[in-house]
């Protein structure tokens, strides 16, 4: 068994969002993203896996392929289908979330 507290030892960078691996094996990835207020992750796709996002701190704007932007907070889980375009912008506070990818090389 491995226990990870995703709220511990969070790093931020003034220049850009940070993506840190939490767990990786041949079929799965868990990444922790940390963004300062106003930082963004430009629109991109995950061609090998759906993406499950669990917000653990803060609020952000998330959008998918339909382009509809929605404010989401730490009470939420966001699901993007495999190969769906998506992007993220942190609002007026630090945003930290886990991205879980299953079937990703």
N, C-alpha and C. Protein backbone atom coordinates (compact mmCIF):
# COMPACT_ATOMS: atom_id res chain seq x y z
N UNK A 1 0.85 -1.18 0.00
CA UNK A 1 0.00 0.00 0.00
C UNK A 1 0.89 1.23 0.00
N UNK A 2 0.42 2.24 -0.75
CA UNK A 2 1.11 3.52 -0.79
C UNK A 2 0.08 4.59 -0.47
N UNK A 3 0.43 5.50 0.44
CA UNK A 3 -0.46 6.59 0.82
C UNK A 3 0.19 7.91 0.45
N UNK A 4 -0.57 8.74 -0.26
CA UNK A 4 -0.06 10.03 -0.73
C UNK A 4 -1.03 11.11 -0.27
N UNK A 5 -0.51 12.17 0.31
CA UNK A 5 -1.34 13.32 0.65
C UNK A 5 -1.07 14.40 -0.40
N UNK A 6 -1.98 14.62 -1.34
CA UNK A 6 -1.72 15.56 -2.43
C UNK A 6 -1.71 17.03 -1.99
N UNK A 7 -2.05 17.30 -0.72
CA UNK A 7 -2.03 18.67 -0.21
C UNK A 7 -0.68 19.03 0.43
N UNK A 8 0.22 18.06 0.49
CA UNK A 8 1.54 18.31 1.10
C UNK A 8 2.58 18.66 0.04
N UNK A 9 3.52 19.51 0.43
CA UNK A 9 4.69 19.85 -0.40
C UNK A 9 4.32 20.33 -1.80
N UNK A 10 3.34 21.19 -1.90
CA UNK A 10 2.92 21.73 -3.19
C UNK A 10 3.90 22.82 -3.62
N UNK A 11 4.35 22.75 -4.86
CA UNK A 11 5.26 23.75 -5.43
C UNK A 11 4.50 24.60 -6.44
N UNK A 12 4.88 25.88 -6.50
CA UNK A 12 4.32 26.80 -7.49
C UNK A 12 5.48 27.48 -8.21
N UNK A 13 5.20 27.98 -9.41
CA UNK A 13 6.21 28.68 -10.19
C UNK A 13 5.57 29.96 -10.71
N UNK A 14 6.27 31.07 -10.54
CA UNK A 14 5.75 32.37 -10.98
C UNK A 14 5.55 32.44 -12.49
N UNK A 15 6.29 31.65 -13.26
CA UNK A 15 6.28 31.73 -14.72
C UNK A 15 5.21 30.86 -15.38
N UNK A 16 4.92 29.69 -14.79
CA UNK A 16 4.02 28.74 -15.45
C UNK A 16 3.46 27.73 -14.46
N UNK A 17 2.42 27.06 -14.87
CA UNK A 17 1.83 25.98 -14.07
C UNK A 17 2.84 24.85 -13.94
N UNK A 18 2.69 24.08 -12.88
CA UNK A 18 3.58 22.94 -12.64
C UNK A 18 2.76 21.65 -12.71
N UNK A 19 3.32 20.64 -13.37
CA UNK A 19 2.74 19.30 -13.39
C UNK A 19 3.78 18.36 -12.79
N UNK A 20 3.40 17.68 -11.71
CA UNK A 20 4.32 16.77 -11.03
C UNK A 20 3.74 15.36 -11.04
N UNK A 21 4.53 14.35 -11.37
CA UNK A 21 4.03 12.98 -11.28
C UNK A 21 3.85 12.57 -9.82
N UNK A 22 2.70 11.99 -9.52
CA UNK A 22 2.42 11.45 -8.19
C UNK A 22 2.59 9.93 -8.23
N UNK A 23 2.12 9.33 -9.32
CA UNK A 23 2.23 7.89 -9.51
C UNK A 23 2.20 7.60 -11.00
N UNK A 24 3.11 6.74 -11.44
CA UNK A 24 3.14 6.34 -12.84
C UNK A 24 3.49 4.86 -12.93
N UNK A 25 2.72 4.13 -13.73
CA UNK A 25 3.11 2.78 -14.10
C UNK A 25 2.78 2.59 -15.57
N UNK A 26 2.85 1.39 -16.10
CA UNK A 26 2.71 1.22 -17.55
C UNK A 26 1.31 1.53 -18.07
N UNK A 27 0.29 1.53 -17.20
CA UNK A 27 -1.08 1.76 -17.65
C UNK A 27 -1.76 2.99 -17.06
N UNK A 28 -1.15 3.61 -16.07
CA UNK A 28 -1.83 4.68 -15.35
C UNK A 28 -0.87 5.82 -15.01
N UNK A 29 -1.46 7.02 -14.91
CA UNK A 29 -0.69 8.17 -14.45
C UNK A 29 -1.57 9.00 -13.53
N UNK A 30 -0.99 9.45 -12.45
CA UNK A 30 -1.62 10.47 -11.61
C UNK A 30 -0.64 11.63 -11.55
N UNK A 31 -1.10 12.80 -11.98
CA UNK A 31 -0.28 14.00 -11.98
C UNK A 31 -0.93 15.05 -11.09
N UNK A 32 -0.11 15.79 -10.36
CA UNK A 32 -0.62 16.92 -9.58
C UNK A 32 -0.24 18.21 -10.28
N UNK A 33 -1.23 19.03 -10.57
CA UNK A 33 -1.01 20.31 -11.21
C UNK A 33 -1.20 21.41 -10.18
N UNK A 34 -0.34 22.41 -10.23
CA UNK A 34 -0.47 23.57 -9.34
C UNK A 34 -0.32 24.84 -10.16
N UNK A 35 -1.31 25.72 -10.02
CA UNK A 35 -1.34 26.98 -10.77
C UNK A 35 -1.53 28.13 -9.79
N UNK A 36 -0.82 29.21 -10.03
CA UNK A 36 -1.03 30.44 -9.29
C UNK A 36 -2.21 31.19 -9.92
N UNK A 37 -2.81 32.15 -9.20
CA UNK A 37 -3.93 32.89 -9.76
C UNK A 37 -3.61 33.45 -11.15
N UNK A 38 -4.54 33.22 -12.09
CA UNK A 38 -4.39 33.72 -13.45
C UNK A 38 -3.60 32.83 -14.40
N UNK A 39 -2.88 31.83 -13.88
CA UNK A 39 -2.13 30.95 -14.77
C UNK A 39 -3.08 30.00 -15.52
N UNK A 40 -2.64 29.56 -16.69
CA UNK A 40 -3.46 28.69 -17.53
C UNK A 40 -2.68 27.50 -18.03
N UNK A 41 -3.42 26.49 -18.41
CA UNK A 41 -2.89 25.37 -19.18
C UNK A 41 -3.63 25.44 -20.50
N UNK A 42 -2.87 25.70 -21.56
CA UNK A 42 -3.52 25.91 -22.86
C UNK A 42 -4.26 24.66 -23.31
N UNK A 43 -5.17 24.86 -24.22
CA UNK A 43 -5.99 23.76 -24.71
C UNK A 43 -5.10 22.67 -25.30
N UNK A 44 -5.42 21.44 -24.95
CA UNK A 44 -4.65 20.28 -25.39
C UNK A 44 -5.56 19.05 -25.36
N UNK A 45 -5.02 17.90 -25.78
CA UNK A 45 -5.77 16.65 -25.78
C UNK A 45 -4.96 15.57 -25.08
N UNK A 46 -5.65 14.56 -24.61
CA UNK A 46 -5.03 13.35 -24.10
C UNK A 46 -5.46 12.21 -25.03
N UNK A 47 -4.65 11.92 -26.05
CA UNK A 47 -5.08 10.98 -27.08
C UNK A 47 -5.17 9.52 -26.64
N UNK A 48 -4.53 9.17 -25.52
CA UNK A 48 -4.47 7.76 -25.12
C UNK A 48 -5.41 7.39 -23.98
N UNK A 49 -6.08 8.39 -23.39
CA UNK A 49 -6.84 8.10 -22.18
C UNK A 49 -7.88 9.17 -21.91
N UNK A 50 -8.99 8.80 -21.25
CA UNK A 50 -9.82 9.84 -20.68
C UNK A 50 -9.03 10.51 -19.54
N UNK A 51 -9.47 11.70 -19.13
CA UNK A 51 -8.80 12.42 -18.04
C UNK A 51 -9.84 12.69 -16.96
N UNK A 52 -9.51 12.26 -15.74
CA UNK A 52 -10.37 12.49 -14.59
C UNK A 52 -9.66 13.49 -13.69
N UNK A 53 -10.28 14.63 -13.42
CA UNK A 53 -9.65 15.69 -12.64
C UNK A 53 -10.39 15.84 -11.32
N UNK A 54 -9.62 15.80 -10.23
CA UNK A 54 -10.14 16.00 -8.89
C UNK A 54 -9.48 17.24 -8.32
N UNK A 55 -10.27 18.29 -8.14
CA UNK A 55 -9.72 19.54 -7.59
C UNK A 55 -9.56 19.39 -6.09
N UNK A 56 -8.36 19.69 -5.59
CA UNK A 56 -8.12 19.56 -4.15
C UNK A 56 -7.96 20.91 -3.46
N UNK A 57 -7.79 21.98 -4.26
CA UNK A 57 -7.66 23.31 -3.67
C UNK A 57 -7.98 24.36 -4.73
N UNK A 58 -8.79 25.35 -4.36
CA UNK A 58 -9.02 26.50 -5.22
C UNK A 58 -10.17 26.35 -6.19
N UNK A 59 -10.20 27.31 -7.14
CA UNK A 59 -11.25 27.37 -8.15
C UNK A 59 -10.61 27.68 -9.50
N UNK A 60 -11.23 27.19 -10.54
CA UNK A 60 -10.71 27.47 -11.87
C UNK A 60 -11.80 27.45 -12.92
N UNK A 61 -11.44 27.90 -14.10
CA UNK A 61 -12.31 27.81 -15.27
C UNK A 61 -11.81 26.63 -16.09
N UNK A 62 -12.71 25.71 -16.40
CA UNK A 62 -12.39 24.53 -17.20
C UNK A 62 -13.29 24.55 -18.42
N UNK A 63 -12.74 24.14 -19.55
CA UNK A 63 -13.56 24.01 -20.75
C UNK A 63 -13.14 22.78 -21.52
N UNK A 64 -14.13 22.21 -22.21
CA UNK A 64 -13.89 21.04 -23.03
C UNK A 64 -14.06 21.37 -24.49
N UNK A 65 -14.29 20.34 -25.26
CA UNK A 65 -14.36 20.48 -26.71
C UNK A 65 -15.48 21.40 -27.18
N UNK A 66 -16.54 21.49 -26.38
CA UNK A 66 -17.66 22.35 -26.77
C UNK A 66 -17.35 23.83 -26.57
N UNK A 67 -16.22 24.14 -25.90
CA UNK A 67 -15.80 25.52 -25.70
C UNK A 67 -16.52 26.24 -24.58
N UNK A 68 -17.47 25.59 -23.94
CA UNK A 68 -18.21 26.21 -22.84
C UNK A 68 -17.33 26.24 -21.59
N UNK A 69 -17.10 27.44 -21.06
CA UNK A 69 -16.24 27.60 -19.89
C UNK A 69 -17.10 27.56 -18.63
N UNK A 70 -16.65 26.75 -17.66
CA UNK A 70 -17.39 26.60 -16.42
C UNK A 70 -16.46 26.80 -15.24
N UNK A 71 -16.95 27.54 -14.24
CA UNK A 71 -16.20 27.70 -13.00
C UNK A 71 -16.40 26.46 -12.15
N UNK A 72 -15.29 25.89 -11.67
CA UNK A 72 -15.33 24.65 -10.92
C UNK A 72 -14.49 24.83 -9.66
N UNK A 73 -14.98 24.22 -8.54
CA UNK A 73 -14.25 24.35 -7.28
C UNK A 73 -13.89 22.98 -6.72
N UNK A 74 -13.40 22.99 -5.48
CA UNK A 74 -12.88 21.77 -4.88
C UNK A 74 -13.95 20.75 -4.49
N UNK A 75 -15.18 21.03 -4.77
CA UNK A 75 -16.25 20.06 -4.54
C UNK A 75 -16.50 19.23 -5.79
N UNK A 76 -15.66 19.37 -6.80
CA UNK A 76 -15.98 18.83 -8.12
C UNK A 76 -14.95 17.84 -8.66
N UNK A 77 -15.45 16.98 -9.54
CA UNK A 77 -14.63 16.10 -10.36
C UNK A 77 -15.02 16.39 -11.81
N UNK A 78 -14.02 16.56 -12.66
CA UNK A 78 -14.26 16.85 -14.08
C UNK A 78 -13.79 15.65 -14.89
N UNK A 79 -14.55 15.28 -15.90
CA UNK A 79 -14.18 14.14 -16.74
C UNK A 79 -14.12 14.61 -18.19
N UNK A 80 -12.96 14.40 -18.81
CA UNK A 80 -12.79 14.66 -20.24
C UNK A 80 -12.63 13.31 -20.93
N UNK A 81 -13.33 13.12 -22.04
CA UNK A 81 -13.21 11.86 -22.76
C UNK A 81 -11.85 11.78 -23.47
N UNK A 82 -11.49 10.58 -23.84
CA UNK A 82 -10.25 10.38 -24.58
C UNK A 82 -10.24 11.26 -25.82
N UNK A 83 -9.15 11.98 -26.02
CA UNK A 83 -8.92 12.83 -27.18
C UNK A 83 -9.78 14.10 -27.21
N UNK A 84 -10.44 14.42 -26.09
CA UNK A 84 -11.24 15.65 -26.02
C UNK A 84 -10.34 16.85 -25.72
N UNK A 85 -10.43 17.90 -26.50
CA UNK A 85 -9.70 19.13 -26.24
C UNK A 85 -10.20 19.73 -24.93
N UNK A 86 -9.26 20.22 -24.11
CA UNK A 86 -9.64 20.86 -22.86
C UNK A 86 -8.55 21.83 -22.41
N UNK A 87 -8.95 22.80 -21.60
CA UNK A 87 -8.02 23.78 -21.06
C UNK A 87 -8.48 24.25 -19.69
N UNK A 88 -7.58 24.96 -18.98
CA UNK A 88 -7.83 25.33 -17.60
C UNK A 88 -7.20 26.69 -17.32
N UNK A 89 -7.89 27.51 -16.53
CA UNK A 89 -7.34 28.77 -16.03
C UNK A 89 -7.67 28.89 -14.55
N UNK A 90 -6.67 29.18 -13.73
CA UNK A 90 -6.90 29.41 -12.30
C UNK A 90 -7.57 30.77 -12.11
N UNK A 91 -8.47 30.85 -11.16
CA UNK A 91 -9.12 32.12 -10.88
C UNK A 91 -8.26 32.94 -9.92
N UNK A 92 -8.86 33.53 -8.90
CA UNK A 92 -8.15 34.49 -8.04
C UNK A 92 -7.47 33.86 -6.84
N UNK A 93 -7.22 32.55 -6.89
CA UNK A 93 -6.52 31.86 -5.80
C UNK A 93 -5.72 30.71 -6.40
N UNK A 94 -4.86 30.12 -5.59
CA UNK A 94 -4.08 28.97 -6.06
C UNK A 94 -5.03 27.84 -6.41
N UNK A 95 -4.72 27.15 -7.51
CA UNK A 95 -5.52 26.01 -7.97
C UNK A 95 -4.62 24.78 -7.98
N UNK A 96 -5.06 23.73 -7.30
CA UNK A 96 -4.31 22.47 -7.26
C UNK A 96 -5.30 21.35 -7.57
N UNK A 97 -4.90 20.48 -8.50
CA UNK A 97 -5.77 19.35 -8.83
C UNK A 97 -4.95 18.14 -9.24
N UNK A 98 -5.59 16.98 -9.11
CA UNK A 98 -5.01 15.73 -9.58
C UNK A 98 -5.65 15.37 -10.91
N UNK A 99 -4.84 14.95 -11.86
CA UNK A 99 -5.32 14.44 -13.14
C UNK A 99 -4.99 12.94 -13.17
N UNK A 100 -6.00 12.12 -13.34
CA UNK A 100 -5.83 10.67 -13.39
C UNK A 100 -6.08 10.20 -14.80
N UNK A 101 -5.12 9.48 -15.35
CA UNK A 101 -5.22 8.96 -16.70
C UNK A 101 -5.08 7.45 -16.63
N UNK A 102 -6.05 6.73 -17.19
CA UNK A 102 -6.00 5.27 -17.19
C UNK A 102 -5.83 4.80 -18.62
N UNK A 103 -4.86 3.92 -18.82
CA UNK A 103 -4.59 3.43 -20.15
C UNK A 103 -3.58 4.30 -20.89
N UNK A 104 -3.02 5.28 -20.18
CA UNK A 104 -2.03 6.18 -20.80
C UNK A 104 -0.66 5.55 -20.75
N UNK A 105 0.07 5.58 -21.85
CA UNK A 105 1.42 5.00 -21.85
C UNK A 105 2.40 5.85 -21.05
